[in-house]
């Protein structure tokens, strides 16, 4: 009777490891699937920049990703889906960097510098980031609306950082919307002139743009020479630079 009472429990215990093994296996398969999608995304981004979106076919992307065209369709249904994933992934990175900057216990200038450096890194050191900002109108209206809504959230967050600096007196009195658009315009245009074999890394370009763009907002004249991030923000930027591959860039 005692053995019979414990038999269901013993059965459950023998089944539990099998369930865990299955979950672990499924988790590994899912991670490999996502990693392969990112590899395809980067290969597609390179092709979009080199050939242009309209001229790039799924066969070109498959060849760049070292896949057969049939296998490529196991990951993406078409190049528009790849582009959507490309843009959506880039915006997620930008929003995550914005949220990280918001949590820094620093002044508005330091938080804004962190956002600018992160933005440039996403554009110039992540292939999908550059492709996302080169190709803004190649998607169907529904997908465009979704991405524009997410992009507006990012711009609104940037405006909030600037507004906080104006309220604290760290920044000059300025229209946050105009200032945010001026900053985004300067950052996004870097995709057009970026050269991987130039004399500066993307991180160095990010630092330089941050210096120019932030100092234009600073209220104190003596701080205009060269704004320096405080220790916490500087550590964030140093950590980002360590993770950046040594790509080169120039403004020419």
C-alpha atoms as a PDB file:
ATOM      1  CA  UNK A   1       0.000   0.000   0.000  1.00  0.00           C
ATOM      2  CA  UNK A   2       2.843   2.331   0.788  1.00  0.00           C
ATOM      3  CA  UNK A   3       4.584   1.481  -2.469  1.00  0.00           C
ATOM      4  CA  UNK A   4       1.386   2.022  -4.384  1.00  0.00           C
ATOM      5  CA  UNK A   5       0.895   5.375  -2.722  1.00  0.00           C
ATOM      6  CA  UNK A   6       4.331   6.544  -3.821  1.00  0.00           C
ATOM      7  CA  UNK A   7       4.137   5.090  -7.322  1.00  0.00           C
ATOM      8  CA  UNK A   8       2.522   8.214  -8.920  1.00  0.00           C
ATOM      9  CA  UNK A   9       5.129  10.369  -7.193  1.00  0.00           C
ATOM     10  CA  UNK A  10       7.957   8.176  -8.486  1.00  0.00           C
ATOM     11  CA  UNK A  11       6.468   8.367 -11.959  1.00  0.00           C
ATOM     12  CA  UNK A  12       6.348  12.157 -11.817  1.00  0.00           C
ATOM     13  CA  UNK A  13       9.956  12.300 -10.640  1.00  0.00           C
ATOM     14  CA  UNK A  14      11.132  10.143 -13.536  1.00  0.00           C
ATOM     15  CA  UNK A  15       9.223  12.340 -15.995  1.00  0.00           C
ATOM     16  CA  UNK A  16      10.599  15.647 -14.666  1.00  0.00           C
ATOM     17  CA  UNK A  17      14.157  15.288 -16.016  1.00  0.00           C
ATOM     18  CA  UNK A  18      12.761  14.327 -19.435  1.00  0.00           C
ATOM     19  CA  UNK A  19      10.683  17.516 -19.446  1.00  0.00           C
ATOM     20  CA  UNK A  20      13.680  19.592 -18.462  1.00  0.00           C
ATOM     21  CA  UNK A  21      15.826  18.004 -21.145  1.00  0.00           C
ATOM     22  CA  UNK A  22      13.149  18.721 -23.738  1.00  0.00           C
ATOM     23  CA  UNK A  23      12.871  22.354 -22.609  1.00  0.00           C
ATOM     24  CA  UNK A  24      16.640  22.796 -22.694  1.00  0.00           C
ATOM     25  CA  UNK A  25      16.824  21.279 -26.143  1.00  0.00           C
ATOM     26  CA  UNK A  26      13.986  23.480 -27.401  1.00  0.00           C
ATOM     27  CA  UNK A  27      15.700  26.503 -25.867  1.00  0.00           C
ATOM     28  CA  UNK A  28      18.959  25.737 -27.678  1.00  0.00           C
ATOM     29  CA  UNK A  29      17.133  25.250 -30.954  1.00  0.00           C
ATOM     30  CA  UNK A  30      15.317  28.571 -30.505  1.00  0.00           C
ATOM     31  CA  UNK A  31      18.555  30.401 -29.677  1.00  0.00           C
ATOM     32  CA  UNK A  32      20.248  28.952 -32.764  1.00  0.00           C
ATOM     33  CA  UNK A  33      17.254  29.990 -34.855  1.00  0.00           C
ATOM     34  CA  UNK A  34      17.409  33.573 -33.555  1.00  0.00           C
ATOM     35  CA  UNK A  35      21.187  33.710 -34.027  1.00  0.00           C
ATOM     36  CA  UNK A  36      20.798  32.549 -37.623  1.00  0.00           C
ATOM     37  CA  UNK A  37      18.159  35.204 -38.259  1.00  0.00           C
ATOM     38  CA  UNK A  38      20.577  37.862 -37.014  1.00  0.00           C
ATOM     39  CA  UNK A  39      23.300  36.511 -39.310  1.00  0.00           C
ATOM     40  CA  UNK A  40      20.884  36.726 -42.231  1.00  0.00           C
ATOM     41  CA  UNK A  41      19.884  40.211 -41.135  1.00  0.00           C
ATOM     42  CA  UNK A  42      23.486  41.426 -41.213  1.00  0.00           C
ATOM     43  CA  UNK A  43      24.133  39.785 -44.581  1.00  0.00           C
ATOM     44  CA  UNK A  44      20.972  41.395 -45.962  1.00  0.00           C
ATOM     45  CA  UNK A  45      21.972  44.772 -44.551  1.00  0.00           C
ATOM     46  CA  UNK A  46      25.288  44.616 -46.397  1.00  0.00           C
ATOM     47  CA  UNK A  47      23.521  43.709 -49.632  1.00  0.00           C
ATOM     48  CA  UNK A  48      20.926  46.467 -49.213  1.00  0.00           C
ATOM     49  CA  UNK A  49      23.665  49.063 -48.742  1.00  0.00           C
ATOM     50  CA  UNK A  50      25.771  47.759 -51.636  1.00  0.00           C
ATOM     51  CA  UNK A  51      23.120  46.970 -54.230  1.00  0.00           C
ATOM     52  CA  UNK A  52      20.138  48.996 -53.050  1.00  0.00           C
ATOM     53  CA  UNK A  53      16.943  47.493 -51.685  1.00  0.00           C
ATOM     54  CA  UNK A  54      15.094  47.323 -55.003  1.00  0.00           C
ATOM     55  CA  UNK A  55      17.998  45.585 -56.745  1.00  0.00           C
ATOM     56  CA  UNK A  56      18.631  43.025 -53.993  1.00  0.00           C
ATOM     57  CA  UNK A  57      16.896  39.680 -54.389  1.00  0.00           C
ATOM     58  CA  UNK A  58      16.403  36.822 -51.951  1.00  0.00           C
ATOM     59  CA  UNK A  59      18.946  34.804 -53.921  1.00  0.00           C
ATOM     60  CA  UNK A  60      21.543  37.561 -53.338  1.00  0.00           C
ATOM     61  CA  UNK A  61      20.788  37.527 -49.621  1.00  0.00           C
ATOM     62  CA  UNK A  62      20.948  33.736 -49.464  1.00  0.00           C
ATOM     63  CA  UNK A  63      24.346  33.740 -51.147  1.00  0.00           C
ATOM     64  CA  UNK A  64      25.663  36.432 -48.796  1.00  0.00           C
ATOM     65  CA  UNK A  65      24.403  34.444 -45.797  1.00  0.00           C
ATOM     66  CA  UNK A  66      25.839  31.141 -47.119  1.00  0.00           C
ATOM     67  CA  UNK A  67      22.384  29.592 -47.386  1.00  0.00           C
ATOM     68  CA  UNK A  68      20.414  28.004 -50.164  1.00  0.00           C
ATOM     69  CA  UNK A  69      17.460  30.128 -51.333  1.00  0.00           C
ATOM     70  CA  UNK A  70      15.073  27.419 -50.132  1.00  0.00           C
ATOM     71  CA  UNK A  71      16.644  27.396 -46.668  1.00  0.00           C
ATOM     72  CA  UNK A  72      16.469  31.174 -46.465  1.00  0.00           C
ATOM     73  CA  UNK A  73      12.677  30.975 -46.671  1.00  0.00           C
ATOM     74  CA  UNK A  74      12.690  28.923 -43.468  1.00  0.00           C
ATOM     75  CA  UNK A  75      13.759  32.115 -41.678  1.00  0.00           C
ATOM     76  CA  UNK A  76      12.118  34.922 -43.664  1.00  0.00           C
ATOM     77  CA  UNK A  77       9.253  34.960 -46.126  1.00  0.00           C
ATOM     78  CA  UNK A  78      10.759  37.746 -48.221  1.00  0.00           C
ATOM     79  CA  UNK A  79      13.094  40.730 -48.271  1.00  0.00           C
ATOM     80  CA  UNK A  80      10.394  43.080 -46.955  1.00  0.00           C
ATOM     81  CA  UNK A  81      10.124  40.956 -43.839  1.00  0.00           C
ATOM     82  CA  UNK A  82      13.920  41.080 -43.494  1.00  0.00           C
ATOM     83  CA  UNK A  83      13.887  44.874 -43.787  1.00  0.00           C
ATOM     84  CA  UNK A  84      11.097  45.144 -41.229  1.00  0.00           C
ATOM     85  CA  UNK A  85      13.027  42.962 -38.788  1.00  0.00           C
ATOM     86  CA  UNK A  86      16.106  45.067 -39.523  1.00  0.00           C
ATOM     87  CA  UNK A  87      14.383  48.340 -38.667  1.00  0.00           C
ATOM     88  CA  UNK A  88      12.475  46.942 -35.707  1.00  0.00           C
ATOM     89  CA  UNK A  89      15.638  45.472 -34.194  1.00  0.00           C
ATOM     90  CA  UNK A  90      17.509  48.762 -34.613  1.00  0.00           C
ATOM     91  CA  UNK A  91      14.745  50.750 -32.956  1.00  0.00           C
ATOM     92  CA  UNK A  92      14.723  48.320 -30.041  1.00  0.00           C
ATOM     93  CA  UNK A  93      18.447  48.975 -29.587  1.00  0.00           C
ATOM     94  CA  UNK A  94      17.944  52.737 -29.681  1.00  0.00           C
ATOM     95  CA  UNK A  95      15.082  52.638 -27.192  1.00  0.00           C
ATOM     96  CA  UNK A  96      17.089  50.402 -24.845  1.00  0.00           C
ATOM     97  CA  UNK A  97      20.026  52.848 -24.972  1.00  0.00           C
ATOM     98  CA  UNK A  98      17.656  55.753 -24.292  1.00  0.00           C
ATOM     99  CA  UNK A  99      16.200  54.013 -21.253  1.00  0.00           C
ATOM    100  CA  UNK A 100      19.684  53.222 -19.957  1.00  0.00           C
ATOM    101  CA  UNK A 101      20.659  56.886 -20.282  1.00  0.00           C
ATOM    102  CA  UNK A 102      17.519  57.986 -18.429  1.00  0.00           C
ATOM    103  CA  UNK A 103      18.511  55.865 -15.431  1.00  0.00           C
ATOM    104  CA  UNK A 104      21.967  57.435 -15.125  1.00  0.00           C
ATOM    105  CA  UNK A 105      22.378  59.632 -12.079  1.00  0.00           C
ATOM    106  CA  UNK A 106      24.000  62.394 -14.068  1.00  0.00           C
ATOM    107  CA  UNK A 107      23.192  65.746 -15.570  1.00  0.00           C
ATOM    108  CA  UNK A 108      21.196  66.191 -18.760  1.00  0.00           C
ATOM    109  CA  UNK A 109      24.331  66.800 -20.859  1.00  0.00           C
ATOM    110  CA  UNK A 110      25.895  63.506 -19.793  1.00  0.00           C
ATOM    111  CA  UNK A 111      22.692  61.571 -20.489  1.00  0.00           C
ATOM    112  CA  UNK A 112      22.355  63.220 -23.885  1.00  0.00           C
ATOM    113  CA  UNK A 113      25.973  62.374 -24.728  1.00  0.00           C
ATOM    114  CA  UNK A 114      25.330  58.727 -23.887  1.00  0.00           C
ATOM    115  CA  UNK A 115      22.298  58.626 -26.201  1.00  0.00           C
ATOM    116  CA  UNK A 116      24.235  60.251 -29.058  1.00  0.00           C
ATOM    117  CA  UNK A 117      27.187  57.856 -28.792  1.00  0.00           C
ATOM    118  CA  UNK A 118      24.824  54.869 -28.629  1.00  0.00           C
ATOM    119  CA  UNK A 119      22.869  56.144 -31.625  1.00  0.00           C
ATOM    120  CA  UNK A 120      25.980  56.530 -33.765  1.00  0.00           C
ATOM    121  CA  UNK A 121      27.198  53.100 -32.753  1.00  0.00           C
ATOM    122  CA  UNK A 122      23.892  51.558 -33.814  1.00  0.00           C
ATOM    123  CA  UNK A 123      24.065  53.344 -37.166  1.00  0.00           C
ATOM    124  CA  UNK A 124      27.703  52.820 -38.075  1.00  0.00           C
ATOM    125  CA  UNK A 125      28.815  49.672 -36.282  1.00  0.00           C
ATOM    126  CA  UNK A 126      25.656  47.612 -36.747  1.00  0.00           C
ATOM    127  CA  UNK A 127      24.945  46.822 -40.398  1.00  0.00           C
ATOM    128  CA  UNK A 128      21.226  46.509 -39.789  1.00  0.00           C
ATOM    129  CA  UNK A 129      21.210  49.961 -38.197  1.00  0.00           C
ATOM    130  CA  UNK A 130      22.652  51.644 -41.251  1.00  0.00           C
ATOM    131  CA  UNK A 131      20.284  49.785 -43.544  1.00  0.00           C
ATOM    132  CA  UNK A 132      17.328  50.709 -41.381  1.00  0.00           C
ATOM    133  CA  UNK A 133      18.027  54.422 -41.724  1.00  0.00           C
ATOM    134  CA  UNK A 134      18.815  54.306 -45.409  1.00  0.00           C
ATOM    135  CA  UNK A 135      15.545  52.571 -46.237  1.00  0.00           C
ATOM    136  CA  UNK A 136      12.623  54.275 -44.559  1.00  0.00           C
ATOM    137  CA  UNK A 137       9.811  53.983 -47.099  1.00  0.00           C
ATOM    138  CA  UNK A 138      10.242  50.580 -48.762  1.00  0.00           C
ATOM    139  CA  UNK A 139       7.733  48.785 -46.524  1.00  0.00           C
ATOM    140  CA  UNK A 140       3.947  48.447 -46.841  1.00  0.00           C
ATOM    141  CA  UNK A 141       1.872  51.108 -45.009  1.00  0.00           C
ATOM    142  CA  UNK A 142       0.934  48.894 -42.049  1.00  0.00           C
ATOM    143  CA  UNK A 143       4.553  48.026 -41.234  1.00  0.00           C
ATOM    144  CA  UNK A 144       5.611  51.619 -41.830  1.00  0.00           C
ATOM    145  CA  UNK A 145       3.012  52.866 -39.350  1.00  0.00           C
ATOM    146  CA  UNK A 146       4.235  50.441 -36.675  1.00  0.00           C
ATOM    147  CA  UNK A 147       7.853  51.530 -37.098  1.00  0.00           C
ATOM    148  CA  UNK A 148       7.040  55.241 -37.273  1.00  0.00           C
ATOM    149  CA  UNK A 149       5.128  54.934 -33.995  1.00  0.00           C
ATOM    150  CA  UNK A 150       8.165  53.332 -32.364  1.00  0.00           C
ATOM    151  CA  UNK A 151      10.467  55.943 -33.905  1.00  0.00           C
ATOM    152  CA  UNK A 152       8.240  58.699 -32.490  1.00  0.00           C
ATOM    153  CA  UNK A 153       8.640  57.171 -29.013  1.00  0.00           C
ATOM    154  CA  UNK A 154      12.390  57.438 -29.376  1.00  0.00           C
ATOM    155  CA  UNK A 155      12.237  61.048 -30.555  1.00  0.00           C
ATOM    156  CA  UNK A 156       9.875  61.917 -27.702  1.00  0.00           C
ATOM    157  CA  UNK A 157      12.350  60.428 -25.249  1.00  0.00           C
ATOM    158  CA  UNK A 158      15.133  62.548 -26.710  1.00  0.00           C
ATOM    159  CA  UNK A 159      12.951  65.645 -26.403  1.00  0.00           C
ATOM    160  CA  UNK A 160      12.330  64.803 -22.757  1.00  0.00           C
ATOM    161  CA  UNK A 161      16.071  64.685 -22.057  1.00  0.00           C
ATOM    162  CA  UNK A 162      16.496  68.097 -23.643  1.00  0.00           C
ATOM    163  CA  UNK A 163      13.471  69.524 -21.811  1.00  0.00           C
ATOM    164  CA  UNK A 164      14.903  68.322 -18.493  1.00  0.00           C
ATOM    165  CA  UNK A 165      18.165  70.118 -19.264  1.00  0.00           C
ATOM    166  CA  UNK A 166      16.316  73.329 -20.112  1.00  0.00           C
ATOM    167  CA  UNK A 167      14.268  73.160 -16.898  1.00  0.00           C
ATOM    168  CA  UNK A 168      17.365  72.583 -14.763  1.00  0.00           C
ATOM    169  CA  UNK A 169      19.200  75.479 -16.399  1.00  0.00           C
ATOM    170  CA  UNK A 170      21.929  73.196 -17.739  1.00  0.00           C
ATOM    171  CA  UNK A 171      20.776  73.882 -21.305  1.00  0.00           C
ATOM    172  CA  UNK A 172      19.880  77.186 -22.908  1.00  0.00           C
ATOM    173  CA  UNK A 173      16.229  77.928 -23.471  1.00  0.00           C
ATOM    174  CA  UNK A 174      15.386  76.053 -26.637  1.00  0.00           C
ATOM    175  CA  UNK A 175      12.547  74.337 -28.474  1.00  0.00           C
ATOM    176  CA  UNK A 176      13.053  70.661 -27.498  1.00  0.00           C
ATOM    177  CA  UNK A 177      11.340  69.402 -30.655  1.00  0.00           C
ATOM    178  CA  UNK A 178      13.543  71.501 -32.940  1.00  0.00           C
ATOM    179  CA  UNK A 179      16.701  70.616 -31.017  1.00  0.00           C
ATOM    180  CA  UNK A 180      15.875  66.890 -31.053  1.00  0.00           C
ATOM    181  CA  UNK A 181      15.227  66.908 -34.802  1.00  0.00           C
ATOM    182  CA  UNK A 182      18.433  68.805 -35.466  1.00  0.00           C
ATOM    183  CA  UNK A 183      20.392  66.226 -33.466  1.00  0.00           C
ATOM    184  CA  UNK A 184      18.687  63.255 -35.134  1.00  0.00           C
ATOM    185  CA  UNK A 185      19.218  64.775 -38.565  1.00  0.00           C
ATOM    186  CA  UNK A 186      22.943  65.176 -37.937  1.00  0.00           C
ATOM    187  CA  UNK A 187      23.295  61.658 -36.535  1.00  0.00           C
ATOM    188  CA  UNK A 188      21.279  59.890 -39.218  1.00  0.00           C
ATOM    189  CA  UNK A 189      23.093  61.702 -42.034  1.00  0.00           C
ATOM    190  CA  UNK A 190      26.366  60.127 -40.867  1.00  0.00           C
ATOM    191  CA  UNK A 191      25.256  56.942 -42.647  1.00  0.00           C
ATOM    192  CA  UNK A 192      25.655  58.780 -45.954  1.00  0.00           C
ATOM    193  CA  UNK A 193      29.286  59.822 -45.483  1.00  0.00           C
ATOM    194  CA  UNK A 194      30.579  56.999 -43.282  1.00  0.00           C
ATOM    195  CA  UNK A 195      33.566  55.129 -44.733  1.00  0.00           C
ATOM    196  CA  UNK A 196      34.716  51.938 -42.962  1.00  0.00           C
ATOM    197  CA  UNK A 197      38.336  52.542 -44.051  1.00  0.00           C
ATOM    198  CA  UNK A 198      38.498  56.153 -42.838  1.00  0.00           C
ATOM    199  CA  UNK A 199      40.787  57.606 -40.146  1.00  0.00           C
ATOM    200  CA  UNK A 200      38.255  57.465 -37.258  1.00  0.00           C
ATOM    201  CA  UNK A 201      36.313  54.672 -35.623  1.00  0.00           C
ATOM    202  CA  UNK A 202      32.559  54.942 -35.336  1.00  0.00           C
ATOM    203  CA  UNK A 203      32.955  55.387 -31.577  1.00  0.00           C
ATOM    204  CA  UNK A 204      35.316  58.316 -32.139  1.00  0.00           C
ATOM    205  CA  UNK A 205      32.826  59.872 -34.531  1.00  0.00           C
ATOM    206  CA  UNK A 206      30.120  59.420 -31.907  1.00  0.00           C
ATOM    207  CA  UNK A 207      32.263  61.214 -29.325  1.00  0.00           C
ATOM    208  CA  UNK A 208      33.010  64.043 -31.743  1.00  0.00           C
ATOM    209  CA  UNK A 209      29.377  64.521 -32.716  1.00  0.00           C
ATOM    210  CA  UNK A 210      28.374  64.441 -29.058  1.00  0.00           C
ATOM    211  CA  UNK A 211      30.873  67.222 -28.307  1.00  0.00           C
ATOM    212  CA  UNK A 212      29.551  69.449 -31.087  1.00  0.00           C
ATOM    213  CA  UNK A 213      25.860  68.770 -30.531  1.00  0.00           C
ATOM    214  CA  UNK A 214      25.798  68.923 -26.737  1.00  0.00           C
ATOM    215  CA  UNK A 215      27.939  72.027 -26.422  1.00  0.00           C
ATOM    216  CA  UNK A 216      25.479  73.894 -28.621  1.00  0.00           C
ATOM    217  CA  UNK A 217      22.863  73.421 -25.894  1.00  0.00           C
ATOM    218  CA  UNK A 218      24.988  74.202 -22.841  1.00  0.00           C
ATOM    219  CA  UNK A 219      23.951  77.323 -20.938  1.00  0.00           C
ATOM    220  CA  UNK A 220      27.315  78.118 -19.309  1.00  0.00           C
ATOM    221  CA  UNK A 221      29.773  79.810 -21.641  1.00  0.00           C
ATOM    222  CA  UNK A 222      32.834  78.432 -19.826  1.00  0.00           C
ATOM    223  CA  UNK A 223      31.568  74.888 -20.388  1.00  0.00           C
ATOM    224  CA  UNK A 224      31.408  75.302 -24.139  1.00  0.00           C
ATOM    225  CA  UNK A 225      35.049  74.504 -24.763  1.00  0.00           C
ATOM    226  CA  UNK A 226      34.639  70.740 -24.531  1.00  0.00           C
ATOM    227  CA  UNK A 227      31.929  69.092 -22.418  1.00  0.00           C
ATOM    228  CA  UNK A 228      33.238  66.131 -20.450  1.00  0.00           C
ATOM    229  CA  UNK A 229      31.018  63.291 -19.283  1.00  0.00           C
ATOM    230  CA  UNK A 230      31.154  62.584 -15.569  1.00  0.00           C
ATOM    231  CA  UNK A 231      32.628  59.358 -14.263  1.00  0.00           C
ATOM    232  CA  UNK A 232      29.515  57.164 -14.570  1.00  0.00           C
ATOM    233  CA  UNK A 233      28.659  58.281 -18.099  1.00  0.00           C
ATOM    234  CA  UNK A 234      32.307  58.077 -19.164  1.00  0.00           C
ATOM    235  CA  UNK A 235      32.426  54.482 -17.951  1.00  0.00           C
ATOM    236  CA  UNK A 236      29.299  53.655 -19.993  1.00  0.00           C
ATOM    237  CA  UNK A 237      30.907  55.121 -23.117  1.00  0.00           C
ATOM    238  CA  UNK A 238      34.208  53.303 -22.464  1.00  0.00           C
ATOM    239  CA  UNK A 239      32.331  50.012 -22.147  1.00  0.00           C
ATOM    240  CA  UNK A 240      30.572  50.666 -25.445  1.00  0.00           C
ATOM    241  CA  UNK A 241      33.866  51.437 -27.199  1.00  0.00           C
ATOM    242  CA  UNK A 242      35.410  48.188 -25.972  1.00  0.00           C
ATOM    243  CA  UNK A 243      32.579  46.260 -27.612  1.00  0.00           C
ATOM    244  CA  UNK A 244      32.892  48.074 -30.956  1.00  0.00           C
ATOM    245  CA  UNK A 245      34.902  46.343 -33.714  1.00  0.00           C
ATOM    246  CA  UNK A 246      37.702  48.502 -35.086  1.00  0.00           C
ATOM    247  CA  UNK A 247      35.911  49.788 -38.145  1.00  0.00           C
ATOM    248  CA  UNK A 248      37.245  52.962 -39.613  1.00  0.00           C
ATOM    249  CA  UNK A 249      35.352  56.009 -40.789  1.00  0.00           C
ATOM    250  CA  UNK A 250      35.877  59.393 -42.342  1.00  0.00           C
ATOM    251  CA  UNK A 251      33.819  62.440 -43.121  1.00  0.00           C
ATOM    252  CA  UNK A 252      35.048  62.572 -46.684  1.00  0.00           C
END
